[in-house]
Amino acid sequence: MASFLSGILSIFSGGSRAEAPAAPAVEPQIHGDCMIFATPLREGNQLRLAGRIEKEVGGEVLVRNFIRADVFTSMDEAVDCTFRKARQIIDQNGPSLFADGEKSRSA
């Protein structure tokens, strides 16, 4: 049970189970006043949904990273779902996503 929980925690905390971002680089998308970057993580033969949302506030770029449990076998599908999830995060949180002023944190 403990190893199962530590595995789950490492997935969401960016621990050892999550590997380097999968290549190739994908062009970012703009949604509202935010820039979305799709950075799926390769885990064996699968790609985990992961990305970041950036917004310039007061001359400083604030970053919100996110990793979700969803996994895909296709890079195109992983990227499409990452952009969709990021738009959902932005729309659901609105201005509060960056209201704390933290330079970088998980969303």
PDB file of N, CA and C in Angstrom:
ATOM      1  N   MET A   1       0.828  -1.191   0.000  1.00  0.00           N
ATOM      2  CA  MET A   1       0.000   0.000   0.000  1.00  0.00           C
ATOM      3  C   MET A   1       0.871   1.254   0.000  1.00  0.00           C
ATOM      4  N   ALA A   2       1.925   1.243   0.809  1.00  0.00           N
ATOM      5  CA  ALA A   2       2.794   2.417   0.886  1.00  0.00           C
ATOM      6  C   ALA A   2       3.476   2.693  -0.452  1.00  0.00           C
ATOM      7  N   SER A   3       3.913   1.637  -1.156  1.00  0.00           N
ATOM      8  CA  SER A   3       4.574   1.858  -2.439  1.00  0.00           C
ATOM      9  C   SER A   3       3.586   2.388  -3.476  1.00  0.00           C
ATOM     10  N   PHE A   4       2.343   1.943  -3.398  1.00  0.00           N
ATOM     11  CA  PHE A   4       1.311   2.452  -4.302  1.00  0.00           C
ATOM     12  C   PHE A   4       1.110   3.950  -4.073  1.00  0.00           C
ATOM     13  N   LEU A   5       0.970   4.357  -2.814  1.00  0.00           N
ATOM     14  CA  LEU A   5       0.772   5.777  -2.502  1.00  0.00           C
ATOM     15  C   LEU A   5       1.981   6.614  -2.880  1.00  0.00           C
ATOM     16  N   SER A   6       3.180   6.096  -2.639  1.00  0.00           N
ATOM     17  CA  SER A   6       4.366   6.866  -3.008  1.00  0.00           C
ATOM     18  C   SER A   6       4.464   7.007  -4.523  1.00  0.00           C
ATOM     19  N   GLY A   7       4.030   5.974  -5.268  1.00  0.00           N
ATOM     20  CA  GLY A   7       4.011   6.052  -6.731  1.00  0.00           C
ATOM     21  C   GLY A   7       3.055   7.113  -7.209  1.00  0.00           C
ATOM     22  N   ILE A   8       1.863   7.165  -6.614  1.00  0.00           N
ATOM     23  CA  ILE A   8       0.864   8.186  -6.973  1.00  0.00           C
ATOM     24  C   ILE A   8       1.404   9.572  -6.645  1.00  0.00           C
ATOM     25  N   LEU A   9       1.989   9.724  -5.464  1.00  0.00           N
ATOM     26  CA  LEU A   9       2.527  11.030  -5.071  1.00  0.00           C
ATOM     27  C   LEU A   9       3.654  11.468  -5.996  1.00  0.00           C
ATOM     28  N   SER A  10       4.506  10.533  -6.412  1.00  0.00           N
ATOM     29  CA  SER A  10       5.616  10.925  -7.294  1.00  0.00           C
ATOM     30  C   SER A  10       5.118  11.364  -8.656  1.00  0.00           C
ATOM     31  N   ILE A  11       4.009  10.799  -9.112  1.00  0.00           N
ATOM     32  CA  ILE A  11       3.434  11.215 -10.393  1.00  0.00           C
ATOM     33  C   ILE A  11       3.017  12.675 -10.323  1.00  0.00           C
ATOM     34  N   PHE A  12       2.315  13.038  -9.251  1.00  0.00           N
ATOM     35  CA  PHE A  12       1.775  14.390  -9.153  1.00  0.00           C
ATOM     36  C   PHE A  12       2.782  15.404  -8.640  1.00  0.00           C
ATOM     37  N   SER A  13       3.872  14.951  -8.072  1.00  0.00           N
ATOM     38  CA  SER A  13       4.879  15.887  -7.585  1.00  0.00           C
ATOM     39  C   SER A  13       6.059  15.999  -8.530  1.00  0.00           C
ATOM     40  N   GLY A  14       5.986  15.299  -9.670  1.00  0.00           N
ATOM     41  CA  GLY A  14       7.090  15.363 -10.630  1.00  0.00           C
ATOM     42  C   GLY A  14       8.269  14.523 -10.195  1.00  0.00           C
ATOM     43  N   GLY A  15       8.020  13.497  -9.379  1.00  0.00           N
ATOM     44  CA  GLY A  15       9.068  12.638  -8.867  1.00  0.00           C
ATOM     45  C   GLY A  15       9.662  11.731  -9.917  1.00  0.00           C
ATOM     46  N   SER A  16      10.280  10.675  -9.472  1.00  0.00           N
ATOM     47  CA  SER A  16      11.071   9.818 -10.349  1.00  0.00           C
ATOM     48  C   SER A  16      10.274   9.117 -11.436  1.00  0.00           C
ATOM     49  N   ARG A  17       8.982   8.924 -11.278  1.00  0.00           N
ATOM     50  CA  ARG A  17       8.209   8.207 -12.288  1.00  0.00           C
ATOM     51  C   ARG A  17       7.981   9.050 -13.532  1.00  0.00           C
ATOM     52  N   ALA A  18       7.955  10.352 -13.395  1.00  0.00           N
ATOM     53  CA  ALA A  18       7.770  11.230 -14.545  1.00  0.00           C
ATOM     54  C   ALA A  18       9.137  11.468 -15.180  1.00  0.00           C
ATOM     55  N   GLU A  19       9.229  11.207 -16.457  1.00  0.00           N
ATOM     56  CA  GLU A  19      10.497  11.357 -17.154  1.00  0.00           C
ATOM     57  C   GLU A  19      10.561  12.710 -17.847  1.00  0.00           C
ATOM     58  N   ALA A  20      11.597  12.916 -18.628  1.00  0.00           N
ATOM     59  CA  ALA A  20      11.800  14.174 -19.337  1.00  0.00           C
ATOM     60  C   ALA A  20      10.652  14.439 -20.308  1.00  0.00           C
ATOM     61  N   PRO A  21      10.399  15.721 -20.603  1.00  0.00           N
ATOM     62  CA  PRO A  21       9.356  16.033 -21.582  1.00  0.00           C
ATOM     63  C   PRO A  21       9.610  15.294 -22.893  1.00  0.00           C
ATOM     64  N   ALA A  22       8.531  14.835 -23.492  1.00  0.00           N
ATOM     65  CA  ALA A  22       8.633  14.115 -24.757  1.00  0.00           C
ATOM     66  C   ALA A  22       8.904  15.095 -25.888  1.00  0.00           C
ATOM     67  N   ALA A  23       9.710  14.690 -26.861  1.00  0.00           N
ATOM     68  CA  ALA A  23       9.975  15.527 -28.028  1.00  0.00           C
ATOM     69  C   ALA A  23       8.944  15.191 -29.090  1.00  0.00           C
ATOM     70  N   PRO A  24       8.669  15.970 -30.032  1.00  0.00           N
ATOM     71  CA  PRO A  24       9.278  17.242 -30.377  1.00  0.00           C
ATOM     72  C   PRO A  24       8.586  18.412 -29.679  1.00  0.00           C
ATOM     73  N   ALA A  25       9.218  19.568 -29.737  1.00  0.00           N
ATOM     74  CA  ALA A  25       8.637  20.767 -29.143  1.00  0.00           C
ATOM     75  C   ALA A  25       7.376  21.150 -29.915  1.00  0.00           C
ATOM     76  N   VAL A  26       6.391  21.650 -29.196  1.00  0.00           N
ATOM     77  CA  VAL A  26       5.105  22.020 -29.778  1.00  0.00           C
ATOM     78  C   VAL A  26       4.932  23.527 -29.638  1.00  0.00           C
ATOM     79  N   GLU A  27       4.415  24.159 -30.677  1.00  0.00           N
ATOM     80  CA  GLU A  27       4.159  25.600 -30.620  1.00  0.00           C
ATOM     81  C   GLU A  27       3.149  25.915 -29.525  1.00  0.00           C
ATOM     82  N   PRO A  28       3.417  26.921 -28.703  1.00  0.00           N
ATOM     83  CA  PRO A  28       2.456  27.292 -27.660  1.00  0.00           C
ATOM     84  C   PRO A  28       1.199  27.916 -28.271  1.00  0.00           C
ATOM     85  N   GLN A  29       0.135  27.930 -27.489  1.00  0.00           N
ATOM     86  CA  GLN A  29      -1.126  28.553 -27.895  1.00  0.00           C
ATOM     87  C   GLN A  29      -1.450  29.676 -26.932  1.00  0.00           C
ATOM     88  N   ILE A  30      -2.190  30.658 -27.428  1.00  0.00           N
ATOM     89  CA  ILE A  30      -2.651  31.768 -26.598  1.00  0.00           C
ATOM     90  C   ILE A  30      -4.114  31.549 -26.281  1.00  0.00           C
ATOM     91  N   HIS A  31      -4.469  31.729 -25.010  1.00  0.00           N
ATOM     92  CA  HIS A  31      -5.868  31.667 -24.579  1.00  0.00           C
ATOM     93  C   HIS A  31      -6.080  32.830 -23.621  1.00  0.00           C
ATOM     94  N   GLY A  32      -6.906  33.772 -24.038  1.00  0.00           N
ATOM     95  CA  GLY A  32      -7.073  34.988 -23.243  1.00  0.00           C
ATOM     96  C   GLY A  32      -5.754  35.730 -23.195  1.00  0.00           C
ATOM     97  N   ASP A  33      -5.312  36.046 -21.991  1.00  0.00           N
ATOM     98  CA  ASP A  33      -4.020  36.730 -21.837  1.00  0.00           C
ATOM     99  C   ASP A  33      -2.941  35.776 -21.324  1.00  0.00           C
ATOM    100  N   CYS A  34      -3.138  34.481 -21.558  1.00  0.00           N
ATOM    101  CA  CYS A  34      -2.190  33.460 -21.110  1.00  0.00           C
ATOM    102  C   CYS A  34      -1.565  32.734 -22.301  1.00  0.00           C
ATOM    103  N   MET A  35      -0.367  32.241 -22.092  1.00  0.00           N
ATOM    104  CA  MET A  35       0.331  31.422 -23.077  1.00  0.00           C
ATOM    105  C   MET A  35       0.347  30.000 -22.530  1.00  0.00           C
ATOM    106  N   ILE A  36      -0.063  29.037 -23.372  1.00  0.00           N
ATOM    107  CA  ILE A  36      -0.137  27.632 -22.964  1.00  0.00           C
ATOM    108  C   ILE A  36       0.961  26.848 -23.683  1.00  0.00           C
ATOM    109  N   PHE A  37       1.703  26.054 -22.905  1.00  0.00           N
ATOM    110  CA  PHE A  37       2.755  25.201 -23.443  1.00  0.00           C
ATOM    111  C   PHE A  37       2.404  23.748 -23.130  1.00  0.00           C
ATOM    112  N   ALA A  38       2.323  22.913 -24.149  1.00  0.00           N
ATOM    113  CA  ALA A  38       2.082  21.482 -23.963  1.00  0.00           C
ATOM    114  C   ALA A  38       3.432  20.792 -23.817  1.00  0.00           C
ATOM    115  N   THR A  39       3.633  20.099 -22.698  1.00  0.00           N
ATOM    116  CA  THR A  39       4.896  19.411 -22.439  1.00  0.00           C
ATOM    117  C   THR A  39       4.616  17.994 -21.925  1.00  0.00           C
ATOM    118  N   PRO A  40       3.991  17.142 -22.757  1.00  0.00           N
ATOM    119  CA  PRO A  40       3.689  15.779 -22.309  1.00  0.00           C
ATOM    120  C   PRO A  40       4.950  15.075 -21.805  1.00  0.00           C
ATOM    121  N   LEU A  41       4.787  14.260 -20.775  1.00  0.00           N
ATOM    122  CA  LEU A  41       5.904  13.522 -20.197  1.00  0.00           C
ATOM    123  C   LEU A  41       5.878  12.085 -20.693  1.00  0.00           C
ATOM    124  N   ARG A  42       7.010  11.625 -21.204  1.00  0.00           N
ATOM    125  CA  ARG A  42       7.092  10.249 -21.679  1.00  0.00           C
ATOM    126  C   ARG A  42       7.263   9.325 -20.481  1.00  0.00           C
ATOM    127  N   GLU A  43       6.412   8.316 -20.426  1.00  0.00           N
ATOM    128  CA  GLU A  43       6.496   7.276 -19.393  1.00  0.00           C
ATOM    129  C   GLU A  43       6.404   5.936 -20.105  1.00  0.00           C
ATOM    130  N   GLY A  44       7.552   5.372 -20.413  1.00  0.00           N
ATOM    131  CA  GLY A  44       7.575   4.129 -21.187  1.00  0.00           C
ATOM    132  C   GLY A  44       7.011   4.386 -22.577  1.00  0.00           C
ATOM    133  N   ASN A  45       5.972   3.637 -22.950  1.00  0.00           N
ATOM    134  CA  ASN A  45       5.344   3.793 -24.262  1.00  0.00           C
ATOM    135  C   ASN A  45       4.200   4.790 -24.250  1.00  0.00           C
ATOM    136  N   GLN A  46       3.974   5.435 -23.125  1.00  0.00           N
ATOM    137  CA  GLN A  46       2.844   6.354 -23.011  1.00  0.00           C
ATOM    138  C   GLN A  46       3.320   7.777 -22.759  1.00  0.00           C
ATOM    139  N   LEU A  47       2.392   8.706 -22.940  1.00  0.00           N
ATOM    140  CA  LEU A  47       2.653  10.124 -22.698  1.00  0.00           C
ATOM    141  C   LEU A  47       1.648  10.635 -21.675  1.00  0.00           C
ATOM    142  N   ARG A  48       2.149  11.222 -20.601  1.00  0.00           N
ATOM    143  CA  ARG A  48       1.284  11.767 -19.563  1.00  0.00           C
ATOM    144  C   ARG A  48       0.966  13.225 -19.879  1.00  0.00           C
ATOM    145  N   LEU A  49      -0.287  13.599 -19.678  1.00  0.00           N
ATOM    146  CA  LEU A  49      -0.740  14.967 -19.913  1.00  0.00           C
ATOM    147  C   LEU A  49      -0.006  15.898 -18.953  1.00  0.00           C
ATOM    148  N   ALA A  50       0.721  16.880 -19.500  1.00  0.00           N
ATOM    149  CA  ALA A  50       1.456  17.843 -18.686  1.00  0.00           C
ATOM    150  C   ALA A  50       1.674  19.112 -19.496  1.00  0.00           C
ATOM    151  N   GLY A  51       1.705  20.225 -18.801  1.00  0.00           N
ATOM    152  CA  GLY A  51       1.936  21.491 -19.482  1.00  0.00           C
ATOM    153  C   GLY A  51       2.136  22.618 -18.497  1.00  0.00           C
ATOM    154  N   ARG A  52       2.210  23.806 -19.039  1.00  0.00           N
ATOM    155  CA  ARG A  52       2.342  24.985 -18.187  1.00  0.00           C
ATOM    156  C   ARG A  52       1.567  26.135 -18.807  1.00  0.00           C
ATOM    157  N   ILE A  53       1.135  27.016 -17.945  1.00  0.00           N
ATOM    158  CA  ILE A  53       0.404  28.217 -18.339  1.00  0.00           C
ATOM    159  C   ILE A  53       1.234  29.397 -17.841  1.00  0.00           C
ATOM    160  N   GLU A  54       1.502  30.349 -18.720  1.00  0.00           N
ATOM    161  CA  GLU A  54       2.278  31.529 -18.351  1.00  0.00           C
ATOM    162  C   GLU A  54       1.462  32.786 -18.600  1.00  0.00           C
ATOM    163  N   LYS A  55       1.681  33.775 -17.731  1.00  0.00           N
ATOM    164  CA  LYS A  55       1.020  35.063 -17.887  1.00  0.00           C
ATOM    165  C   LYS A  55       1.979  36.142 -17.391  1.00  0.00           C
ATOM    166  N   GLU A  56       2.068  37.223 -18.157  1.00  0.00           N
ATOM    167  CA  GLU A  56       2.902  38.340 -17.720  1.00  0.00           C
ATOM    168  C   GLU A  56       2.062  39.256 -16.839  1.00  0.00           C
ATOM    169  N   VAL A  57       2.561  39.478 -15.623  1.00  0.00           N
ATOM    170  CA  VAL A  57       1.879  40.336 -14.654  1.00  0.00           C
ATOM    171  C   VAL A  57       2.905  41.322 -14.101  1.00  0.00           C
ATOM    172  N   GLY A  58       2.679  42.603 -14.343  1.00  0.00           N
ATOM    173  CA  GLY A  58       3.591  43.620 -13.833  1.00  0.00           C
ATOM    174  C   GLY A  58       5.011  43.460 -14.318  1.00  0.00           C
ATOM    175  N   GLY A  59       5.194  43.046 -15.565  1.00  0.00           N
ATOM    176  CA  GLY A  59       6.524  42.882 -16.143  1.00  0.00           C
ATOM    177  C   GLY A  59       7.208  41.587 -15.761  1.00  0.00           C
ATOM    178  N   GLU A  60       6.536  40.733 -14.991  1.00  0.00           N
ATOM    179  CA  GLU A  60       7.110  39.460 -14.570  1.00  0.00           C
ATOM    180  C   GLU A  60       6.239  38.317 -15.111  1.00  0.00           C
ATOM    181  N   VAL A  61       6.884  37.251 -15.574  1.00  0.00           N
ATOM    182  CA  VAL A  61       6.149  36.102 -16.094  1.00  0.00           C
ATOM    183  C   VAL A  61       5.867  35.132 -14.944  1.00  0.00           C
ATOM    184  N   LEU A  62       4.574  34.875 -14.709  1.00  0.00           N
ATOM    185  CA  LEU A  62       4.149  33.919 -13.692  1.00  0.00           C
ATOM    186  C   LEU A  62       3.815  32.607 -14.389  1.00  0.00           C
ATOM    187  N   VAL A  63       4.161  31.483 -13.749  1.00  0.00           N
ATOM    188  CA  VAL A  63       4.019  30.163 -14.362  1.00  0.00           C
ATOM    189  C   VAL A  63       3.172  29.263 -13.471  1.00  0.00           C
ATOM    190  N   ARG A  64       2.251  28.537 -14.099  1.00  0.00           N
ATOM    191  CA  ARG A  64       1.447  27.526 -13.417  1.00  0.00           C
ATOM    192  C   ARG A  64       1.640  26.211 -14.166  1.00  0.00           C
ATOM    193  N   ASN A  65       2.291  25.256 -13.518  1.00  0.00           N
ATOM    194  CA  ASN A  65       2.538  23.936 -14.100  1.00  0.00           C
ATOM    195  C   ASN A  65       1.406  22.999 -13.732  1.00  0.00           C
ATOM    196  N   PHE A  66       1.107  22.061 -14.618  1.00  0.00           N
ATOM    197  CA  PHE A  66       0.098  21.065 -14.291  1.00  0.00           C
ATOM    198  C   PHE A  66       0.462  19.721 -14.903  1.00  0.00           C
ATOM    199  N   ILE A  67       0.163  18.674 -14.150  1.00  0.00           N
ATOM    200  CA  ILE A  67       0.316  17.288 -14.587  1.00  0.00           C
ATOM    201  C   ILE A  67      -0.967  16.592 -14.187  1.00  0.00           C
ATOM    202  N   ARG A  68      -1.507  15.797 -15.086  1.00  0.00           N
ATOM    203  CA  ARG A  68      -2.743  15.077 -14.799  1.00  0.00           C
ATOM    204  C   ARG A  68      -2.512  13.579 -14.981  1.00  0.00           C
ATOM    205  N   ALA A  69      -3.441  12.794 -14.524  1.00  0.00           N
ATOM    206  CA  ALA A  69      -3.323  11.341 -14.561  1.00  0.00           C
ATOM    207  C   ALA A  69      -3.528  10.761 -15.955  1.00  0.00           C
ATOM    208  N   ASP A  70      -4.094  11.523 -16.876  1.00  0.00           N
ATOM    209  CA  ASP A  70      -4.398  11.034 -18.214  1.00  0.00           C
ATOM    210  C   ASP A  70      -3.117  10.635 -18.952  1.00  0.00           C
ATOM    211  N   VAL A  71      -3.153   9.473 -19.605  1.00  0.00           N
ATOM    212  CA  VAL A  71      -2.030   9.021 -20.422  1.00  0.00           C
ATOM    213  C   VAL A  71      -2.524   8.669 -21.823  1.00  0.00           C
ATOM    214  N   PHE A  72      -1.633   8.827 -22.797  1.00  0.00           N
ATOM    215  CA  PHE A  72      -1.976   8.641 -24.203  1.00  0.00           C
ATOM    216  C   PHE A  72      -0.867   7.861 -24.902  1.00  0.00           C
ATOM    217  N   THR A  73      -1.205   7.252 -26.024  1.00  0.00           N
ATOM    218  CA  THR A  73      -0.191   6.568 -26.829  1.00  0.00           C
ATOM    219  C   THR A  73       0.244   7.430 -28.008  1.00  0.00           C
ATOM    220  N   SER A  74      -0.529   8.466 -28.317  1.00  0.00           N
ATOM    221  CA  SER A  74      -0.250   9.341 -29.449  1.00  0.00           C
ATOM    222  C   SER A  74       0.178  10.723 -28.962  1.00  0.00           C
ATOM    223  N   MET A  75       1.261  11.239 -29.534  1.00  0.00           N
ATOM    224  CA  MET A  75       1.723  12.586 -29.188  1.00  0.00           C
ATOM    225  C   MET A  75       0.658  13.618 -29.543  1.00  0.00           C
ATOM    226  N   ASP A  76       0.045  13.494 -30.715  1.00  0.00           N
ATOM    227  CA  ASP A  76      -0.981  14.459 -31.125  1.00  0.00           C
ATOM    228  C   ASP A  76      -2.145  14.492 -30.142  1.00  0.00           C
ATOM    229  N   GLU A  77      -2.580  13.333 -29.701  1.00  0.00           N
ATOM    230  CA  GLU A  77      -3.690  13.270 -28.753  1.00  0.00           C
ATOM    231  C   GLU A  77      -3.284  13.869 -27.404  1.00  0.00           C
ATOM    232  N   ALA A  78      -2.066  13.582 -26.947  1.00  0.00           N
ATOM    233  CA  ALA A  78      -1.576  14.133 -25.678  1.00  0.00           C
ATOM    234  C   ALA A  78      -1.506  15.653 -25.736  1.00  0.00           C
ATOM    235  N   VAL A  79      -1.022  16.186 -26.842  1.00  0.00           N
ATOM    236  CA  VAL A  79      -0.896  17.639 -27.012  1.00  0.00           C
ATOM    237  C   VAL A  79      -2.281  18.286 -27.075  1.00  0.00           C
ATOM    238  N   ASP A  80      -3.185  17.722 -27.870  1.00  0.00           N
ATOM    239  CA  ASP A  80      -4.541  18.272 -27.987  1.00  0.00           C
ATOM    240  C   ASP A  80      -5.238  18.309 -26.628  1.00  0.00           C
ATOM    241  N   CYS A  81      -5.141  17.222 -25.883  1.00  0.00           N
ATOM    242  CA  CYS A  81      -5.797  17.166 -24.573  1.00  0.00           C
ATOM    243  C   CYS A  81      -5.128  18.098 -23.567  1.00  0.00           C
ATOM    244  N   THR A  82      -3.817  18.288 -23.689  1.00  0.00           N
ATOM    245  CA  THR A  82      -3.119  19.224 -22.808  1.00  0.00           C
ATOM    246  C   THR A  82      -3.613  20.647 -23.038  1.00  0.00           C
ATOM    247  N   PHE A  83      -3.741  21.055 -24.300  1.00  0.00           N
ATOM    248  CA  PHE A  83      -4.256  22.394 -24.587  1.00  0.00           C
ATOM    249  C   PHE A  83      -5.694  22.545 -24.097  1.00  0.00           C
ATOM    250  N   ARG A  84      -6.500  21.514 -24.296  1.00  0.00           N
ATOM    251  CA  ARG A  84      -7.894  21.568 -23.840  1.00  0.00           C
ATOM    252  C   ARG A  84      -7.962  21.701 -22.320  1.00  0.00           C
ATOM    253  N   LYS A  85      -7.151  20.921 -21.595  1.00  0.00           N
ATOM    254  CA  LYS A  85      -7.131  20.979 -20.134  1.00  0.00           C
ATOM    255  C   LYS A  85      -6.640  22.341 -19.655  1.00  0.00           C
ATOM    256  N   ALA A  86      -5.637  22.899 -20.297  1.00  0.00           N
ATOM    257  CA  ALA A  86      -5.120  24.215 -19.907  1.00  0.00           C
ATOM    258  C   ALA A  86      -6.189  25.290 -20.089  1.00  0.00           C
ATOM    259  N   ARG A  87      -6.921  25.251 -21.204  1.00  0.00           N
ATOM    260  CA  ARG A  87      -8.000  26.223 -21.411  1.00  0.00           C
ATOM    261  C   ARG A  87      -9.063  26.079 -20.331  1.00  0.00           C
ATOM    262  N   GLN A  88      -9.345  24.834 -19.945  1.00  0.00           N
ATOM    263  CA  GLN A  88     -10.314  24.588 -18.883  1.00  0.00           C
ATOM    264  C   GLN A  88      -9.822  25.161 -17.554  1.00  0.00           C
ATOM    265  N   ILE A  89      -8.557  24.956 -17.228  1.00  0.00           N
ATOM    266  CA  ILE A  89      -7.973  25.497 -15.991  1.00  0.00           C
ATOM    267  C   ILE A  89      -8.083  27.020 -15.982  1.00  0.00           C
ATOM    268  N   ILE A  90      -7.733  27.647 -17.097  1.00  0.00           N
ATOM    269  CA  ILE A  90      -7.790  29.108 -17.195  1.00  0.00           C
ATOM    270  C   ILE A  90      -9.230  29.594 -17.037  1.00  0.00           C
ATOM    271  N   ASP A  91     -10.161  28.972 -17.753  1.00  0.00           N
ATOM    272  CA  ASP A  91     -11.561  29.404 -17.719  1.00  0.00           C
ATOM    273  C   ASP A  91     -12.187  29.189 -16.342  1.00  0.00           C
ATOM    274  N   GLN A  92     -11.885  28.079 -15.688  1.00  0.00           N
ATOM    275  CA  GLN A  92     -12.481  27.789 -14.387  1.00  0.00           C
ATOM    276  C   GLN A  92     -11.914  28.650 -13.268  1.00  0.00           C
ATOM    277  N   ASN A  93     -10.633  28.977 -13.340  1.00  0.00           N
ATOM    278  CA  ASN A  93      -9.996  29.744 -12.271  1.00  0.00           C
ATOM    279  C   ASN A  93     -10.065  31.244 -12.482  1.00  0.00           C
ATOM    280  N   GLY A  94     -10.136  31.668 -13.729  1.00  0.00           N
ATOM    281  CA  GLY A  94     -10.180  33.098 -14.012  1.00  0.00           C
ATOM    282  C   GLY A  94      -8.969  33.817 -13.446  1.00  0.00           C
ATOM    283  N   PRO A  95      -9.151  35.058 -13.002  1.00  0.00           N
ATOM    284  CA  PRO A  95      -8.037  35.851 -12.472  1.00  0.00           C
ATOM    285  C   PRO A  95      -7.367  35.250 -11.236  1.00  0.00           C
ATOM    286  N   SER A  96      -8.081  34.389 -10.500  1.00  0.00           N
ATOM    287  CA  SER A  96      -7.499  33.822  -9.282  1.00  0.00           C
ATOM    288  C   SER A  96      -6.333  32.870  -9.571  1.00  0.00           C
ATOM    289  N   LEU A  97      -6.196  32.407 -10.814  1.00  0.00           N
ATOM    290  CA  LEU A  97      -5.105  31.507 -11.165  1.00  0.00           C
ATOM    291  C   LEU A  97      -3.746  32.154 -10.874  1.00  0.00           C
ATOM    292  N   PHE A  98      -3.647  33.456 -11.075  1.00  0.00           N
ATOM    293  CA  PHE A  98      -2.387  34.165 -10.861  1.00  0.00           C
ATOM    294  C   PHE A  98      -2.476  35.215  -9.756  1.00  0.00           C
ATOM    295  N   ALA A  99      -3.603  35.272  -9.054  1.00  0.00           N
ATOM    296  CA  ALA A  99      -3.844  36.327  -8.068  1.00  0.00           C
ATOM    297  C   ALA A  99      -2.881  36.295  -6.885  1.00  0.00           C
ATOM    298  N   ASP A 100      -2.317  35.122  -6.545  1.00  0.00           N
ATOM    299  CA  ASP A 100      -1.422  35.051  -5.392  1.00  0.00           C
ATOM    300  C   ASP A 100      -0.054  35.644  -5.675  1.00  0.00           C
ATOM    301  N   GLY A 101       0.261  35.919  -6.938  1.00  0.00           N
ATOM    302  CA  GLY A 101       1.530  36.538  -7.286  1.00  0.00           C
ATOM    303  C   GLY A 101       2.734  35.626  -7.215  1.00  0.00           C
ATOM    304  N   GLU A 102       2.532  34.347  -6.886  1.00  0.00           N
ATOM    305  CA  GLU A 102       3.645  33.394  -6.841  1.00  0.00           C
ATOM    306  C   GLU A 102       4.276  33.292  -8.224  1.00  0.00           C
ATOM    307  N   LYS A 103       5.595  33.300  -8.277  1.00  0.00           N
ATOM    308  CA  LYS A 103       6.304  33.217  -9.562  1.00  0.00           C
ATOM    309  C   LYS A 103       6.020  31.893 -10.269  1.00  0.00           C
ATOM    310  N   SER A 104       6.002  30.796  -9.512  1.00  0.00           N
ATOM    311  CA  SER A 104       5.764  29.491 -10.115  1.00  0.00           C
ATOM    312  C   SER A 104       5.113  28.580  -9.071  1.00  0.00           C
ATOM    313  N   ARG A 105       4.109  27.837  -9.518  1.00  0.00           N
ATOM    314  CA  ARG A 105       3.471  26.837  -8.658  1.00  0.00           C
ATOM    315  C   ARG A 105       2.645  25.887  -9.516  1.00  0.00           C
ATOM    316  N   SER A 106       2.167  24.826  -8.902  1.00  0.00           N
ATOM    317  CA  SER A 106       1.316  23.862  -9.604  1.00  0.00           C
ATOM    318  C   SER A 106      -0.118  24.355  -9.611  1.00  0.00           C
ATOM    319  N   ALA A 107      -0.798  24.014 -10.690  1.00  0.00           N
ATOM    320  CA  ALA A 107      -2.210  24.382 -10.816  1.00  0.00           C
ATOM    321  C   ALA A 107      -3.077  23.147 -10.758  1.00  0.00           C
TER     322      ALA A 107
END
